Structure formats: structure tokens, C-alpha cells
Amino acid sequence: QSQLVESGGGLVQPGGSLRLSCAASGFTLDYYAVAWFRQAPGKGREGVSCISGSVGNTWYDDSVKGRFTISRDNAKNTVYLQMNGLKPEDTAVYYCAAHLSTNQHECLMAPYDRWGQGTQVTVSS
């Protein structure tokens, strides 16, 4: 069965760090665009970051630029989101999503159609 599984969430103090993982099983992520989204309580889902397929171009929302880093390890079939300098407003459920795109340079406009179940990130003192 093909699926994406997120892990690495948790409770962290402001200024702390977490690394989220998005592991794929049943399919290979190499040529997939992969994105991280988040949804805070009472708010809509928003895009946080994405990485294109084989080219590896990246995009970050302004709210996380300079603090978060997305990367992929094709040998482990996993995409990571390193989150540093966490703020209370980063608190949300984080989801990863993937799409097999014909455009290996782009990830922002991909119609993501494979989704993980989400992992909770809570930033609080």
C-alpha cells in the first residue's frame, strides 16, 4: 500500500528546533514534488515549503524563510523539514504531500494528491 508517513513532531519551547520526516512506502519519491503544509486550530491549511523532483528546487513561505529547511534523501525515500527558531505561531498539525510531476523544476503549483496523516507540532513555554 502506497503511503506517506510523517514523524518528528512534538512539544518544543520557543526558539527550539524539530526535524520532521516524511517517509514514503510503496512508491519512490525521487521524481515527486513534495510539500509541507500546516493547519493551526481554527485556521485553514497553508503551504510551508516544497521541493521539486529530481532538480530539487525549493520554495518557502515568507513566515518560515530563514528558519526552516527542506531536503530530501532519496536513498531513504524521505523528505525532511528542519525547523529552527520555532515560534508559538508555528504551532499546527504538519502534513506532507507528494505529486508525480512532469515538471521536475517546480513544486509550488503542483496538484498534491498523496497526503500523510499529519504530525502535531506545539511550540510553547
C-alpha atoms as a PDB file:
ATOM      1  CA  GLN A   1       0.000   0.000   0.000  1.00  0.00           C
ATOM      2  CA  SER A   2       1.373   3.387  -1.005  1.00  0.00           C
ATOM      3  CA  GLN A   3       1.519   5.914   1.789  1.00  0.00           C
ATOM      4  CA  LEU A   4       3.328   8.879   3.289  1.00  0.00           C
ATOM      5  CA  VAL A   5       4.092   8.841   6.992  1.00  0.00           C
ATOM      6  CA  GLU A   6       5.144  11.940   8.917  1.00  0.00           C
ATOM      7  CA  SER A   7       7.084  11.811  12.147  1.00  0.00           C
ATOM      8  CA  GLY A   8       9.170  14.065  14.359  1.00  0.00           C
ATOM      9  CA  GLY A   9       6.537  16.346  15.781  1.00  0.00           C
ATOM     10  CA  GLY A  10       6.297  17.190  19.448  1.00  0.00           C
ATOM     11  CA  LEU A  11       6.348  19.878  22.096  1.00  0.00           C
ATOM     12  CA  VAL A  12       9.215  22.357  21.990  1.00  0.00           C
ATOM     13  CA  GLN A  13       9.968  25.666  23.655  1.00  0.00           C
ATOM     14  CA  PRO A  14      10.127  28.892  21.637  1.00  0.00           C
ATOM     15  CA  GLY A  15      13.470  29.140  19.907  1.00  0.00           C
ATOM     16  CA  GLY A  16      13.849  25.386  19.792  1.00  0.00           C
ATOM     17  CA  SER A  17      14.207  23.019  16.848  1.00  0.00           C
ATOM     18  CA  LEU A  18      12.492  19.986  15.430  1.00  0.00           C
ATOM     19  CA  ARG A  19      13.092  17.884  12.335  1.00  0.00           C
ATOM     20  CA  LEU A  20      10.039  16.457  10.634  1.00  0.00           C
ATOM     21  CA  SER A  21      10.330  13.422   8.384  1.00  0.00           C
ATOM     22  CA  CYS A  22       8.067  12.349   5.549  1.00  0.00           C
ATOM     23  CA  ALA A  23       8.756   8.762   4.609  1.00  0.00           C
ATOM     24  CA  ALA A  24       7.208   7.153   1.552  1.00  0.00           C
ATOM     25  CA  SER A  25       6.372   3.480   1.271  1.00  0.00           C
ATOM     26  CA  GLY A  26       5.035   1.618  -1.731  1.00  0.00           C
ATOM     27  CA  PHE A  27       6.428   4.155  -4.183  1.00  0.00           C
ATOM     28  CA  THR A  28       9.666   6.049  -4.857  1.00  0.00           C
ATOM     29  CA  LEU A  29       9.840   9.763  -4.109  1.00  0.00           C
ATOM     30  CA  ASP A  30      12.737  10.532  -6.465  1.00  0.00           C
ATOM     31  CA  TYR A  31      10.669  12.268  -9.163  1.00  0.00           C
ATOM     32  CA  TYR A  32       7.908  13.536  -6.906  1.00  0.00           C
ATOM     33  CA  ALA A  33       7.424  17.125  -5.842  1.00  0.00           C
ATOM     34  CA  VAL A  34       6.972  17.068  -2.064  1.00  0.00           C
ATOM     35  CA  ALA A  35       5.497  19.790   0.093  1.00  0.00           C
ATOM     36  CA  TRP A  36       4.888  20.506   3.728  1.00  0.00           C
ATOM     37  CA  PHE A  37       1.606  22.112   4.746  1.00  0.00           C
ATOM     38  CA  ARG A  38       0.322  23.046   8.169  1.00  0.00           C
ATOM     39  CA  GLN A  39      -3.031  23.724   9.746  1.00  0.00           C
ATOM     40  CA  ALA A  40      -3.380  25.588  13.015  1.00  0.00           C
ATOM     41  CA  PRO A  41      -6.530  25.329  15.166  1.00  0.00           C
ATOM     42  CA  GLY A  42      -9.339  27.362  13.629  1.00  0.00           C
ATOM     43  CA  LYS A  43      -7.315  28.235  10.539  1.00  0.00           C
ATOM     44  CA  GLY A  44      -7.087  26.958   7.005  1.00  0.00           C
ATOM     45  CA  ARG A  45      -4.301  24.819   5.639  1.00  0.00           C
ATOM     46  CA  GLU A  46      -1.273  26.740   4.381  1.00  0.00           C
ATOM     47  CA  GLY A  47       1.782  25.794   2.415  1.00  0.00           C
ATOM     48  CA  VAL A  48       5.055  25.979   4.317  1.00  0.00           C
ATOM     49  CA  SER A  49       7.705  24.675   1.961  1.00  0.00           C
ATOM     50  CA  CYS A  50       8.201  22.422  -1.030  1.00  0.00           C
ATOM     51  CA  ILE A  51      10.931  20.741  -3.022  1.00  0.00           C
ATOM     52  CA  SER A  52      10.734  19.787  -6.667  1.00  0.00           C
ATOM     53  CA  GLY A  53      11.557  16.341  -8.038  1.00  0.00           C
ATOM     54  CA  SER A  54      14.929  15.446  -9.469  1.00  0.00           C
ATOM     55  CA  VAL A  55      16.115  19.084  -9.741  1.00  0.00           C
ATOM     56  CA  GLY A  56      15.458  19.846  -6.078  1.00  0.00           C
ATOM     57  CA  ASN A  57      14.330  23.463  -6.370  1.00  0.00           C
ATOM     58  CA  THR A  58      12.827  24.712  -3.137  1.00  0.00           C
ATOM     59  CA  TRP A  59      10.237  27.239  -2.026  1.00  0.00           C
ATOM     60  CA  TYR A  60       9.460  28.650   1.420  1.00  0.00           C
ATOM     61  CA  ASP A  61       6.620  30.722   2.735  1.00  0.00           C
ATOM     62  CA  ASP A  62       7.806  34.115   3.974  1.00  0.00           C
ATOM     63  CA  SER A  63       6.788  33.210   7.524  1.00  0.00           C
ATOM     64  CA  VAL A  64       9.404  30.419   7.706  1.00  0.00           C
ATOM     65  CA  LYS A  65      12.086  31.668   5.323  1.00  0.00           C
ATOM     66  CA  GLY A  66      15.481  31.603   7.003  1.00  0.00           C
ATOM     67  CA  ARG A  67      14.256  29.308   9.795  1.00  0.00           C
ATOM     68  CA  PHE A  68      13.068  26.152   8.014  1.00  0.00           C
ATOM     69  CA  THR A  69      14.993  23.987   5.555  1.00  0.00           C
ATOM     70  CA  ILE A  70      13.506  21.309   3.337  1.00  0.00           C
ATOM     71  CA  SER A  71      15.671  18.492   1.995  1.00  0.00           C
ATOM     72  CA  ARG A  72      15.350  15.039   0.545  1.00  0.00           C
ATOM     73  CA  ASP A  73      17.286  11.805   0.956  1.00  0.00           C
ATOM     74  CA  ASN A  74      16.417   9.603  -1.982  1.00  0.00           C
ATOM     75  CA  ALA A  75      18.342   6.663  -0.527  1.00  0.00           C
ATOM     76  CA  LYS A  76      15.961   6.732   2.450  1.00  0.00           C
ATOM     77  CA  ASN A  77      12.929   7.690   0.342  1.00  0.00           C
ATOM     78  CA  THR A  78      12.332  10.511   2.796  1.00  0.00           C
ATOM     79  CA  VAL A  79      11.888  14.274   2.776  1.00  0.00           C
ATOM     80  CA  TYR A  80      12.776  16.327   5.830  1.00  0.00           C
ATOM     81  CA  LEU A  81      11.758  19.682   7.223  1.00  0.00           C
ATOM     82  CA  GLN A  82      14.330  21.095   9.624  1.00  0.00           C
ATOM     83  CA  MET A  83      12.651  23.730  11.755  1.00  0.00           C
ATOM     84  CA  ASN A  84      14.820  26.103  13.772  1.00  0.00           C
ATOM     85  CA  GLY A  85      13.926  29.175  15.751  1.00  0.00           C
ATOM     86  CA  LEU A  86      10.426  27.892  16.358  1.00  0.00           C
ATOM     87  CA  LYS A  87       7.754  30.358  17.393  1.00  0.00           C
ATOM     88  CA  PRO A  88       4.376  29.833  19.087  1.00  0.00           C
ATOM     89  CA  GLU A  89       2.705  30.740  15.800  1.00  0.00           C
ATOM     90  CA  ASP A  90       4.333  27.690  14.207  1.00  0.00           C
ATOM     91  CA  THR A  91       2.047  25.505  16.315  1.00  0.00           C
ATOM     92  CA  ALA A  92      -0.020  23.368  13.949  1.00  0.00           C
ATOM     93  CA  VAL A  93      -0.535  19.926  12.516  1.00  0.00           C
ATOM     94  CA  TYR A  94       2.059  19.490   9.782  1.00  0.00           C
ATOM     95  CA  TYR A  95       1.274  17.395   6.718  1.00  0.00           C
ATOM     96  CA  CYS A  96       3.477  16.258   3.886  1.00  0.00           C
ATOM     97  CA  ALA A  97       2.115  15.756   0.401  1.00  0.00           C
ATOM     98  CA  ALA A  98       3.544  14.472  -2.862  1.00  0.00           C
ATOM     99  CA  HIS A  99       2.802  14.676  -6.567  1.00  0.00           C
ATOM    100  CA  LEU A 100       4.489  12.958  -9.512  1.00  0.00           C
ATOM    101  CA  SER A 101       5.122  15.945 -11.713  1.00  0.00           C
ATOM    102  CA  THR A 102       6.232  16.148 -15.335  1.00  0.00           C
ATOM    103  CA  ASN A 103       7.962  19.426 -14.411  1.00  0.00           C
ATOM    104  CA  GLN A 104      10.943  18.453 -12.303  1.00  0.00           C
ATOM    105  CA  HIS A 105      11.861  22.102 -11.696  1.00  0.00           C
ATOM    106  CA  GLU A 106       8.699  23.259  -9.984  1.00  0.00           C
ATOM    107  CA  CYS A 107       6.862  22.399  -6.780  1.00  0.00           C
ATOM    108  CA  LEU A 108       4.776  25.425  -5.777  1.00  0.00           C
ATOM    109  CA  MET A 109       1.849  24.845  -8.172  1.00  0.00           C
ATOM    110  CA  ALA A 110       1.832  21.039  -8.102  1.00  0.00           C
ATOM    111  CA  PRO A 111      -1.602  19.469  -7.517  1.00  0.00           C
ATOM    112  CA  TYR A 112      -0.629  17.392  -4.493  1.00  0.00           C
ATOM    113  CA  ASP A 113      -2.584  14.167  -4.435  1.00  0.00           C
ATOM    114  CA  ARG A 114      -0.822  11.931  -1.917  1.00  0.00           C
ATOM    115  CA  TRP A 115      -1.065  13.019   1.704  1.00  0.00           C
ATOM    116  CA  GLY A 116       0.224  11.851   5.043  1.00  0.00           C
ATOM    117  CA  GLN A 117      -1.782  11.698   8.244  1.00  0.00           C
ATOM    118  CA  GLY A 118      -0.068  14.667   9.896  1.00  0.00           C
ATOM    119  CA  THR A 119       2.132  15.239  12.920  1.00  0.00           C
ATOM    120  CA  GLN A 120       1.475  17.736  15.703  1.00  0.00           C
ATOM    121  CA  VAL A 121       3.987  20.497  16.404  1.00  0.00           C
ATOM    122  CA  THR A 122       3.411  22.552  19.537  1.00  0.00           C
ATOM    123  CA  VAL A 123       5.643  25.499  20.415  1.00  0.00           C
ATOM    124  CA  SER A 124       5.044  26.661  23.941  1.00  0.00           C
ATOM    125  CA  SER A 125       6.887  27.568  27.096  1.00  0.00           C
END
